[in-house]
Amino acid sequence: MMKNAHIPILGFAAPSGTGKTTLLTQLIPLLKQQSIRVGLIKHSHHNFQIDKPGKDSFRLREAGATPVMLVSSHRRAMITEFATPKEPDLDEQLHYFDQSELDLILVEGFKKEDFPKIELHRPSLGHELLHQQDNSIIALASDQSLSLEKELPCLDLNDIPSIAQFVSQFMKNA
């Protein structure tokens, strides 16, 4: 498990285009209504950019400063350039993630890592089920009823309140 997770951590794993972000944008407000303080770590396969060419932060980073922290009265962001590009390790990222004012960390992606995850599956997309090779998947959420070889809780991908209830129960048992 994750040595740098000091609070419950739960992932959502599925191939790109399955609806992880859509689900999370609907789930997080329901969890917040239950007074659950939620943080999120999202894995990106892209060389994403959060600052823009011409902005001071971009210019300072391009000049060689790393990390660069942007801070305002509304938010904070830290940009760190890796000396050698490599696939990120979730536990390492948790080390940098302030968990002190959170109750739960949700994770989008990092599907190959060993931590509790809910698999999202849409049979119409034609992808293989992940839980058959991943023992850290604790539930399956699908938009269709499925017959599984492995005994797992099955959730309705379109019933966000029941998924929120599952997450709340997961936290109590964590």
N, C-alpha and C. Protein backbone atom coordinates (compact mmCIF):
# COMPACT_ATOMS: atom_id res chain seq x y z
N MET A 1 0.83 -1.20 0.00
CA MET A 1 0.00 0.00 0.00
C MET A 1 0.87 1.26 0.00
N MET A 2 0.24 2.38 0.07
CA MET A 2 0.93 3.66 -0.03
C MET A 2 1.43 4.12 1.34
N LYS A 3 2.74 4.20 1.52
CA LYS A 3 3.28 4.62 2.81
C LYS A 3 3.07 6.12 3.05
N ASN A 4 2.90 6.90 1.99
CA ASN A 4 2.72 8.34 2.14
C ASN A 4 1.26 8.77 2.19
N ALA A 5 0.34 7.82 2.24
CA ALA A 5 -1.09 8.15 2.38
C ALA A 5 -1.42 8.09 3.87
N HIS A 6 -1.76 9.23 4.44
CA HIS A 6 -2.08 9.32 5.86
C HIS A 6 -3.58 9.33 6.12
N ILE A 7 -4.34 9.32 5.05
CA ILE A 7 -5.80 9.30 5.10
C ILE A 7 -6.27 8.31 4.02
N PRO A 8 -7.55 7.95 4.01
CA PRO A 8 -8.00 7.02 2.96
C PRO A 8 -7.73 7.56 1.55
N ILE A 9 -7.34 6.65 0.68
CA ILE A 9 -7.08 6.98 -0.72
C ILE A 9 -7.85 5.98 -1.57
N LEU A 10 -8.55 6.49 -2.58
CA LEU A 10 -9.37 5.65 -3.44
C LEU A 10 -9.23 6.12 -4.88
N GLY A 11 -8.90 5.19 -5.75
CA GLY A 11 -8.71 5.52 -7.15
C GLY A 11 -9.88 5.14 -8.02
N PHE A 12 -9.91 5.73 -9.20
CA PHE A 12 -10.88 5.41 -10.24
C PHE A 12 -10.07 5.08 -11.48
N ALA A 13 -10.18 3.82 -11.92
CA ALA A 13 -9.34 3.31 -12.99
C ALA A 13 -10.19 2.89 -14.18
N ALA A 14 -9.74 3.27 -15.36
CA ALA A 14 -10.41 2.90 -16.60
C ALA A 14 -9.60 3.45 -17.76
N PRO A 15 -9.78 2.87 -18.94
CA PRO A 15 -9.13 3.45 -20.11
C PRO A 15 -9.63 4.87 -20.38
N SER A 16 -8.82 5.64 -21.06
CA SER A 16 -9.19 7.00 -21.44
C SER A 16 -10.52 6.99 -22.19
N GLY A 17 -11.37 7.96 -21.89
CA GLY A 17 -12.65 8.09 -22.58
C GLY A 17 -13.80 7.34 -21.94
N THR A 18 -13.53 6.68 -20.80
CA THR A 18 -14.58 5.91 -20.12
C THR A 18 -15.48 6.80 -19.27
N GLY A 19 -14.98 7.94 -18.82
CA GLY A 19 -15.80 8.86 -18.04
C GLY A 19 -15.33 9.08 -16.61
N LYS A 20 -14.04 8.88 -16.35
CA LYS A 20 -13.52 9.08 -14.99
C LYS A 20 -13.74 10.51 -14.52
N THR A 21 -13.32 11.47 -15.32
CA THR A 21 -13.44 12.87 -14.92
C THR A 21 -14.91 13.27 -14.78
N THR A 22 -15.75 12.83 -15.68
CA THR A 22 -17.18 13.14 -15.61
C THR A 22 -17.77 12.61 -14.31
N LEU A 23 -17.44 11.37 -13.98
CA LEU A 23 -17.93 10.79 -12.73
C LEU A 23 -17.43 11.60 -11.53
N LEU A 24 -16.15 11.90 -11.50
CA LEU A 24 -15.58 12.61 -10.36
C LEU A 24 -16.18 14.01 -10.19
N THR A 25 -16.46 14.70 -11.29
CA THR A 25 -17.03 16.05 -11.18
C THR A 25 -18.45 15.99 -10.62
N GLN A 26 -19.12 14.85 -10.74
CA GLN A 26 -20.46 14.68 -10.16
C GLN A 26 -20.38 14.11 -8.75
N LEU A 27 -19.38 13.28 -8.48
CA LEU A 27 -19.22 12.64 -7.18
C LEU A 27 -18.71 13.59 -6.11
N ILE A 28 -17.73 14.40 -6.43
CA ILE A 28 -17.10 15.28 -5.44
C ILE A 28 -18.11 16.20 -4.76
N PRO A 29 -19.02 16.85 -5.47
CA PRO A 29 -20.00 17.69 -4.76
C PRO A 29 -20.86 16.91 -3.77
N LEU A 30 -21.21 15.65 -4.09
CA LEU A 30 -22.00 14.83 -3.17
C LEU A 30 -21.20 14.49 -1.91
N LEU A 31 -19.91 14.24 -2.08
CA LEU A 31 -19.06 13.97 -0.92
C LEU A 31 -18.90 15.22 -0.07
N LYS A 32 -18.75 16.36 -0.72
CA LYS A 32 -18.63 17.62 0.01
C LYS A 32 -19.91 17.94 0.79
N GLN A 33 -21.08 17.56 0.25
CA GLN A 33 -22.34 17.74 0.98
C GLN A 33 -22.36 16.94 2.27
N GLN A 34 -21.57 15.86 2.33
CA GLN A 34 -21.45 15.04 3.53
C GLN A 34 -20.32 15.55 4.43
N SER A 35 -19.80 16.74 4.12
CA SER A 35 -18.69 17.37 4.86
C SER A 35 -17.40 16.57 4.75
N ILE A 36 -17.24 15.85 3.67
CA ILE A 36 -15.99 15.13 3.41
C ILE A 36 -15.07 16.08 2.62
N ARG A 37 -13.91 16.32 3.19
CA ARG A 37 -12.92 17.20 2.53
C ARG A 37 -12.10 16.35 1.58
N VAL A 38 -12.22 16.66 0.29
CA VAL A 38 -11.67 15.82 -0.77
C VAL A 38 -10.51 16.51 -1.47
N GLY A 39 -9.41 15.78 -1.62
CA GLY A 39 -8.31 16.19 -2.48
C GLY A 39 -8.25 15.23 -3.65
N LEU A 40 -7.58 15.60 -4.70
CA LEU A 40 -7.53 14.75 -5.88
C LEU A 40 -6.16 14.82 -6.54
N ILE A 41 -5.69 13.68 -6.98
CA ILE A 41 -4.47 13.60 -7.78
C ILE A 41 -4.87 12.96 -9.10
N LYS A 42 -4.54 13.63 -10.19
CA LYS A 42 -4.89 13.13 -11.52
C LYS A 42 -3.60 12.83 -12.29
N HIS A 43 -3.53 11.63 -12.84
CA HIS A 43 -2.40 11.25 -13.68
C HIS A 43 -2.68 11.76 -15.09
N SER A 44 -1.66 12.34 -15.71
CA SER A 44 -1.79 12.79 -17.08
C SER A 44 -0.73 12.12 -17.93
N HIS A 45 -1.15 11.64 -19.09
CA HIS A 45 -0.20 11.02 -20.02
C HIS A 45 0.39 12.07 -20.96
N HIS A 46 0.00 13.29 -20.76
CA HIS A 46 0.41 14.35 -21.68
C HIS A 46 1.48 15.24 -21.05
N ASN A 47 2.21 15.94 -21.86
CA ASN A 47 3.17 16.94 -21.39
C ASN A 47 2.37 18.23 -21.14
N PHE A 48 1.58 18.21 -20.05
CA PHE A 48 0.67 19.32 -19.80
C PHE A 48 1.41 20.60 -19.44
N GLN A 49 0.74 21.71 -19.62
CA GLN A 49 1.29 23.03 -19.34
C GLN A 49 0.27 23.81 -18.53
N ILE A 50 0.64 24.28 -17.34
CA ILE A 50 -0.32 25.06 -16.56
C ILE A 50 -0.01 26.56 -16.58
N ASP A 51 1.19 26.91 -17.01
CA ASP A 51 1.42 28.34 -17.21
C ASP A 51 1.62 28.58 -18.70
N LYS A 52 1.58 29.83 -19.10
CA LYS A 52 1.53 30.15 -20.52
C LYS A 52 2.76 30.92 -20.97
N PRO A 53 3.20 30.68 -22.22
CA PRO A 53 4.32 31.47 -22.74
C PRO A 53 4.04 32.96 -22.61
N GLY A 54 5.05 33.68 -22.19
CA GLY A 54 4.92 35.13 -22.01
C GLY A 54 4.62 35.53 -20.57
N LYS A 55 4.03 34.63 -19.78
CA LYS A 55 3.75 34.92 -18.37
C LYS A 55 5.05 34.84 -17.58
N ASP A 56 5.13 35.61 -16.49
CA ASP A 56 6.34 35.64 -15.68
C ASP A 56 6.74 34.25 -15.20
N SER A 57 5.78 33.46 -14.73
CA SER A 57 6.10 32.13 -14.21
C SER A 57 6.71 31.26 -15.30
N PHE A 58 6.18 31.35 -16.50
CA PHE A 58 6.71 30.58 -17.62
C PHE A 58 8.14 31.00 -17.92
N ARG A 59 8.36 32.30 -17.96
CA ARG A 59 9.69 32.83 -18.27
C ARG A 59 10.71 32.42 -17.20
N LEU A 60 10.29 32.46 -15.94
CA LEU A 60 11.20 32.09 -14.85
C LEU A 60 11.52 30.59 -14.88
N ARG A 61 10.53 29.78 -15.19
CA ARG A 61 10.75 28.34 -15.30
C ARG A 61 11.66 28.04 -16.49
N GLU A 62 11.41 28.68 -17.61
CA GLU A 62 12.25 28.49 -18.79
C GLU A 62 13.68 28.94 -18.53
N ALA A 63 13.86 29.92 -17.63
CA ALA A 63 15.21 30.39 -17.28
C ALA A 63 15.94 29.37 -16.40
N GLY A 64 15.22 28.40 -15.85
CA GLY A 64 15.87 27.34 -15.10
C GLY A 64 15.44 27.19 -13.66
N ALA A 65 14.52 28.02 -13.18
CA ALA A 65 14.05 27.86 -11.80
C ALA A 65 13.13 26.64 -11.71
N THR A 66 13.41 25.79 -10.74
CA THR A 66 12.54 24.65 -10.48
C THR A 66 12.69 24.21 -9.04
N PRO A 67 11.64 24.18 -8.26
CA PRO A 67 10.27 24.43 -8.67
C PRO A 67 9.97 25.92 -8.75
N VAL A 68 8.85 26.23 -9.38
CA VAL A 68 8.28 27.57 -9.40
C VAL A 68 6.92 27.46 -8.73
N MET A 69 6.70 28.27 -7.70
CA MET A 69 5.40 28.25 -7.02
C MET A 69 4.67 29.55 -7.33
N LEU A 70 3.44 29.40 -7.79
CA LEU A 70 2.56 30.55 -8.03
C LEU A 70 1.59 30.62 -6.86
N VAL A 71 1.44 31.80 -6.28
CA VAL A 71 0.59 31.95 -5.11
C VAL A 71 -0.23 33.23 -5.25
N SER A 72 -1.51 33.12 -5.00
CA SER A 72 -2.37 34.30 -4.95
C SER A 72 -3.27 34.16 -3.72
N SER A 73 -4.16 35.10 -3.55
CA SER A 73 -5.09 35.01 -2.42
C SER A 73 -6.14 33.92 -2.65
N HIS A 74 -6.18 33.35 -3.85
CA HIS A 74 -7.19 32.34 -4.20
C HIS A 74 -6.65 30.92 -4.32
N ARG A 75 -5.39 30.75 -4.74
CA ARG A 75 -4.87 29.40 -4.96
C ARG A 75 -3.35 29.38 -5.01
N ARG A 76 -2.82 28.14 -5.01
CA ARG A 76 -1.37 27.93 -5.09
C ARG A 76 -1.13 26.80 -6.09
N ALA A 77 -0.10 26.94 -6.86
CA ALA A 77 0.31 25.87 -7.79
C ALA A 77 1.83 25.81 -7.79
N MET A 78 2.35 24.59 -7.78
CA MET A 78 3.80 24.42 -7.87
C MET A 78 4.12 23.67 -9.14
N ILE A 79 5.10 24.18 -9.87
CA ILE A 79 5.54 23.56 -11.11
C ILE A 79 6.97 23.10 -10.90
N THR A 80 7.19 21.81 -11.04
CA THR A 80 8.52 21.24 -10.90
C THR A 80 8.88 20.52 -12.19
N GLU A 81 10.00 20.87 -12.76
CA GLU A 81 10.48 20.19 -13.96
C GLU A 81 11.29 18.98 -13.51
N PHE A 82 11.05 17.83 -14.10
CA PHE A 82 11.82 16.64 -13.79
C PHE A 82 13.07 16.64 -14.67
N ALA A 83 14.22 16.37 -14.07
CA ALA A 83 15.48 16.35 -14.82
C ALA A 83 15.44 15.29 -15.92
N THR A 84 14.87 14.14 -15.59
CA THR A 84 14.71 13.07 -16.57
C THR A 84 13.25 12.65 -16.57
N PRO A 85 12.55 12.79 -17.69
CA PRO A 85 11.15 12.37 -17.72
C PRO A 85 11.01 10.89 -17.36
N LYS A 86 10.08 10.59 -16.46
CA LYS A 86 9.80 9.20 -16.08
C LYS A 86 8.35 9.12 -15.64
N GLU A 87 7.81 7.92 -15.70
CA GLU A 87 6.43 7.71 -15.29
C GLU A 87 6.32 8.04 -13.80
N PRO A 88 5.35 8.87 -13.41
CA PRO A 88 5.24 9.26 -12.00
C PRO A 88 4.80 8.10 -11.11
N ASP A 89 5.30 8.08 -9.90
CA ASP A 89 4.96 7.10 -8.88
C ASP A 89 3.97 7.77 -7.92
N LEU A 90 2.81 7.15 -7.74
CA LEU A 90 1.77 7.76 -6.91
C LEU A 90 2.23 8.01 -5.49
N ASP A 91 2.88 7.04 -4.87
CA ASP A 91 3.31 7.22 -3.48
C ASP A 91 4.26 8.41 -3.35
N GLU A 92 5.14 8.59 -4.32
CA GLU A 92 6.05 9.74 -4.31
C GLU A 92 5.26 11.05 -4.40
N GLN A 93 4.23 11.07 -5.23
CA GLN A 93 3.42 12.29 -5.36
C GLN A 93 2.68 12.58 -4.06
N LEU A 94 2.23 11.53 -3.37
CA LEU A 94 1.54 11.72 -2.09
C LEU A 94 2.44 12.41 -1.07
N HIS A 95 3.73 12.17 -1.16
CA HIS A 95 4.69 12.82 -0.26
C HIS A 95 4.60 14.35 -0.37
N TYR A 96 4.31 14.85 -1.55
CA TYR A 96 4.23 16.30 -1.79
C TYR A 96 2.83 16.86 -1.62
N PHE A 97 1.87 16.00 -1.36
CA PHE A 97 0.45 16.39 -1.31
C PHE A 97 0.06 16.69 0.13
N ASP A 98 -0.36 17.91 0.41
CA ASP A 98 -0.75 18.30 1.76
C ASP A 98 -2.07 17.63 2.13
N GLN A 99 -2.01 16.68 3.07
CA GLN A 99 -3.17 15.91 3.48
C GLN A 99 -3.75 16.40 4.80
N SER A 100 -3.15 17.43 5.37
CA SER A 100 -3.49 17.85 6.74
C SER A 100 -4.93 18.33 6.90
N GLU A 101 -5.55 18.83 5.86
CA GLU A 101 -6.91 19.34 5.98
C GLU A 101 -7.88 18.56 5.10
N LEU A 102 -7.56 17.28 4.86
CA LEU A 102 -8.39 16.44 4.00
C LEU A 102 -8.89 15.22 4.77
N ASP A 103 -9.99 14.66 4.28
CA ASP A 103 -10.51 13.40 4.81
C ASP A 103 -10.31 12.25 3.83
N LEU A 104 -10.13 12.58 2.55
CA LEU A 104 -10.08 11.57 1.50
C LEU A 104 -9.28 12.10 0.33
N ILE A 105 -8.47 11.22 -0.26
CA ILE A 105 -7.78 11.55 -1.51
C ILE A 105 -8.36 10.65 -2.59
N LEU A 106 -8.90 11.27 -3.62
CA LEU A 106 -9.36 10.54 -4.80
C LEU A 106 -8.25 10.61 -5.83
N VAL A 107 -8.11 9.54 -6.59
CA VAL A 107 -7.06 9.47 -7.60
C VAL A 107 -7.69 9.08 -8.92
N GLU A 108 -7.38 9.86 -9.93
CA GLU A 108 -7.82 9.52 -11.29
C GLU A 108 -6.61 9.00 -12.04
N GLY A 109 -6.70 7.75 -12.48
CA GLY A 109 -5.59 7.15 -13.19
C GLY A 109 -4.71 6.33 -12.26
N PHE A 110 -3.44 6.24 -12.60
CA PHE A 110 -2.48 5.40 -11.86
C PHE A 110 -3.02 3.98 -11.75
N LYS A 111 -3.67 3.51 -12.82
CA LYS A 111 -4.37 2.22 -12.75
C LYS A 111 -3.45 1.03 -12.56
N LYS A 112 -2.16 1.17 -12.81
CA LYS A 112 -1.24 0.04 -12.66
C LYS A 112 -0.65 -0.05 -11.25
N GLU A 113 -0.97 0.92 -10.39
CA GLU A 113 -0.41 0.92 -9.04
C GLU A 113 -1.32 0.19 -8.07
N ASP A 114 -0.72 -0.26 -6.96
CA ASP A 114 -1.41 -1.09 -5.98
C ASP A 114 -1.99 -0.25 -4.84
N PHE A 115 -3.24 0.14 -4.98
CA PHE A 115 -4.00 0.84 -3.95
C PHE A 115 -5.47 0.64 -4.29
N PRO A 116 -6.39 0.83 -3.33
CA PRO A 116 -7.81 0.56 -3.60
C PRO A 116 -8.36 1.43 -4.74
N LYS A 117 -9.05 0.75 -5.67
CA LYS A 117 -9.60 1.44 -6.83
C LYS A 117 -10.98 0.90 -7.17
N ILE A 118 -11.77 1.77 -7.77
CA ILE A 118 -13.03 1.38 -8.40
C ILE A 118 -12.78 1.39 -9.90
N GLU A 119 -13.08 0.27 -10.54
CA GLU A 119 -12.93 0.19 -11.99
C GLU A 119 -14.20 0.71 -12.64
N LEU A 120 -14.06 1.58 -13.63
CA LEU A 120 -15.19 2.02 -14.45
C LEU A 120 -15.15 1.24 -15.75
N HIS A 121 -16.31 0.74 -16.16
CA HIS A 121 -16.34 -0.08 -17.37
C HIS A 121 -17.61 0.21 -18.18
N ARG A 122 -17.42 0.46 -19.45
CA ARG A 122 -18.52 0.61 -20.40
C ARG A 122 -18.32 -0.46 -21.48
N PRO A 123 -19.10 -1.54 -21.43
CA PRO A 123 -18.92 -2.62 -22.42
C PRO A 123 -18.96 -2.13 -23.86
N SER A 124 -19.72 -1.08 -24.14
CA SER A 124 -19.84 -0.58 -25.51
C SER A 124 -18.51 -0.07 -26.07
N LEU A 125 -17.55 0.24 -25.19
CA LEU A 125 -16.25 0.73 -25.66
C LEU A 125 -15.31 -0.41 -26.05
N GLY A 126 -15.65 -1.65 -25.66
CA GLY A 126 -14.86 -2.80 -26.08
C GLY A 126 -13.56 -3.04 -25.34
N HIS A 127 -13.35 -2.42 -24.18
CA HIS A 127 -12.12 -2.63 -23.42
C HIS A 127 -12.23 -3.86 -22.51
N GLU A 128 -11.09 -4.46 -22.25
CA GLU A 128 -11.02 -5.58 -21.32
C GLU A 128 -11.26 -5.08 -19.90
N LEU A 129 -11.81 -5.94 -19.06
CA LEU A 129 -11.97 -5.61 -17.65
C LEU A 129 -10.61 -5.60 -16.97
N LEU A 130 -10.36 -4.59 -16.15
CA LEU A 130 -9.07 -4.45 -15.47
C LEU A 130 -8.96 -5.33 -14.23
N HIS A 131 -10.07 -5.55 -13.53
CA HIS A 131 -10.01 -6.23 -12.24
C HIS A 131 -9.52 -7.68 -12.36
N GLN A 132 -9.57 -8.23 -13.55
CA GLN A 132 -9.11 -9.61 -13.73
C GLN A 132 -7.60 -9.73 -13.53
N GLN A 133 -6.87 -8.64 -13.70
CA GLN A 133 -5.42 -8.63 -13.49
C GLN A 133 -5.01 -7.73 -12.33
N ASP A 134 -5.96 -7.10 -11.65
CA ASP A 134 -5.63 -6.13 -10.60
C ASP A 134 -6.42 -6.46 -9.34
N ASN A 135 -5.75 -7.04 -8.37
CA ASN A 135 -6.42 -7.41 -7.12
C ASN A 135 -6.70 -6.22 -6.20
N SER A 136 -6.22 -5.04 -6.56
CA SER A 136 -6.49 -3.87 -5.72
C SER A 136 -7.81 -3.19 -6.09
N ILE A 137 -8.49 -3.67 -7.14
CA ILE A 137 -9.81 -3.13 -7.49
C ILE A 137 -10.83 -3.70 -6.52
N ILE A 138 -11.54 -2.79 -5.84
CA ILE A 138 -12.47 -3.20 -4.78
C ILE A 138 -13.93 -3.16 -5.22
N ALA A 139 -14.21 -2.58 -6.38
CA ALA A 139 -15.58 -2.51 -6.89
C ALA A 139 -15.53 -2.21 -8.38
N LEU A 140 -16.64 -2.48 -9.04
CA LEU A 140 -16.77 -2.22 -10.47
C LEU A 140 -18.01 -1.35 -10.68
N ALA A 141 -17.85 -0.26 -11.41
CA ALA A 141 -18.99 0.59 -11.77
C ALA A 141 -19.16 0.51 -13.28
N SER A 142 -20.36 0.11 -13.71
CA SER A 142 -20.60 -0.07 -15.14
C SER A 142 -21.97 0.52 -15.51
N ASP A 143 -22.11 0.83 -16.79
CA ASP A 143 -23.40 1.33 -17.27
C ASP A 143 -24.30 0.18 -17.74
N GLN A 144 -23.83 -1.06 -17.59
CA GLN A 144 -24.62 -2.25 -17.92
C GLN A 144 -24.39 -3.31 -16.85
N SER A 145 -25.37 -4.16 -16.68
CA SER A 145 -25.23 -5.29 -15.76
C SER A 145 -24.21 -6.26 -16.33
N LEU A 146 -23.31 -6.75 -15.48
CA LEU A 146 -22.26 -7.65 -15.94
C LEU A 146 -22.24 -8.92 -15.11
N SER A 147 -21.84 -10.01 -15.73
CA SER A 147 -21.61 -11.27 -15.04
C SER A 147 -20.10 -11.37 -14.85
N LEU A 148 -19.65 -11.37 -13.59
CA LEU A 148 -18.22 -11.36 -13.30
C LEU A 148 -17.75 -12.71 -12.80
N GLU A 149 -16.51 -13.04 -13.16
CA GLU A 149 -15.89 -14.26 -12.64
C GLU A 149 -15.46 -14.07 -11.19
N LYS A 150 -15.13 -12.85 -10.84
CA LYS A 150 -14.62 -12.50 -9.53
C LYS A 150 -15.74 -11.82 -8.74
N GLU A 151 -15.85 -12.12 -7.46
CA GLU A 151 -16.89 -11.50 -6.66
C GLU A 151 -16.46 -10.08 -6.26
N LEU A 152 -17.17 -9.10 -6.81
CA LEU A 152 -16.89 -7.70 -6.54
C LEU A 152 -18.22 -6.96 -6.39
N PRO A 153 -18.26 -5.94 -5.53
CA PRO A 153 -19.46 -5.10 -5.53
C PRO A 153 -19.61 -4.44 -6.91
N CYS A 154 -20.81 -4.47 -7.45
CA CYS A 154 -21.09 -3.84 -8.75
C CYS A 154 -21.97 -2.62 -8.52
N LEU A 155 -21.50 -1.50 -9.03
CA LEU A 155 -22.21 -0.23 -8.88
C LEU A 155 -22.72 0.22 -10.24
N ASP A 156 -23.81 0.98 -10.21
CA ASP A 156 -24.35 1.56 -11.44
C ASP A 156 -23.60 2.85 -11.71
N LEU A 157 -22.90 2.89 -12.81
CA LEU A 157 -22.09 4.05 -13.18
C LEU A 157 -22.91 5.33 -13.29
N ASN A 158 -24.21 5.19 -13.54
CA ASN A 158 -25.08 6.35 -13.68
C ASN A 158 -25.79 6.73 -12.38
N ASP A 159 -25.55 5.99 -11.31
CA ASP A 159 -26.17 6.27 -10.01
C ASP A 159 -25.11 6.85 -9.07
N ILE A 160 -24.84 8.11 -9.25
CA ILE A 160 -23.76 8.78 -8.51
C ILE A 160 -24.03 8.77 -6.99
N PRO A 161 -25.27 8.97 -6.53
CA PRO A 161 -25.50 8.90 -5.08
C PRO A 161 -25.11 7.53 -4.48
N SER A 162 -25.35 6.44 -5.20
CA SER A 162 -24.97 5.13 -4.64
C SER A 162 -23.44 4.97 -4.65
N ILE A 163 -22.77 5.56 -5.62
CA ILE A 163 -21.30 5.52 -5.63
C ILE A 163 -20.77 6.35 -4.46
N ALA A 164 -21.40 7.50 -4.19
CA ALA A 164 -21.01 8.34 -3.03
C ALA A 164 -21.20 7.56 -1.73
N GLN A 165 -22.28 6.82 -1.64
CA GLN A 165 -22.53 6.00 -0.45
C GLN A 165 -21.45 4.92 -0.31
N PHE A 166 -21.06 4.30 -1.41
CA PHE A 166 -20.00 3.29 -1.38
C PHE A 166 -18.69 3.92 -0.90
N VAL A 167 -18.37 5.10 -1.41
CA VAL A 167 -17.14 5.79 -1.01
C VAL A 167 -17.17 6.12 0.48
N SER A 168 -18.30 6.59 0.97
CA SER A 168 -18.43 6.89 2.41
C SER A 168 -18.21 5.65 3.25
N GLN A 169 -18.77 4.53 2.81
CA GLN A 169 -18.59 3.26 3.54
C GLN A 169 -17.14 2.81 3.48
N PHE A 170 -16.51 2.99 2.32
CA PHE A 170 -15.10 2.66 2.17
C PHE A 170 -14.26 3.44 3.19
N MET A 171 -14.57 4.74 3.34
CA MET A 171 -13.82 5.57 4.29
C MET A 171 -13.98 5.08 5.71
N LYS A 172 -15.18 4.67 6.08
CA LYS A 172 -15.43 4.17 7.44
C LYS A 172 -14.65 2.90 7.71
N ASN A 173 -14.46 2.07 6.68
CA ASN A 173 -13.78 0.80 6.84
C ASN A 173 -12.26 0.90 6.65
N ALA A 174 -11.80 2.06 6.16
CA ALA A 174 -10.36 2.21 5.86
C ALA A 174 -9.53 2.38 7.13
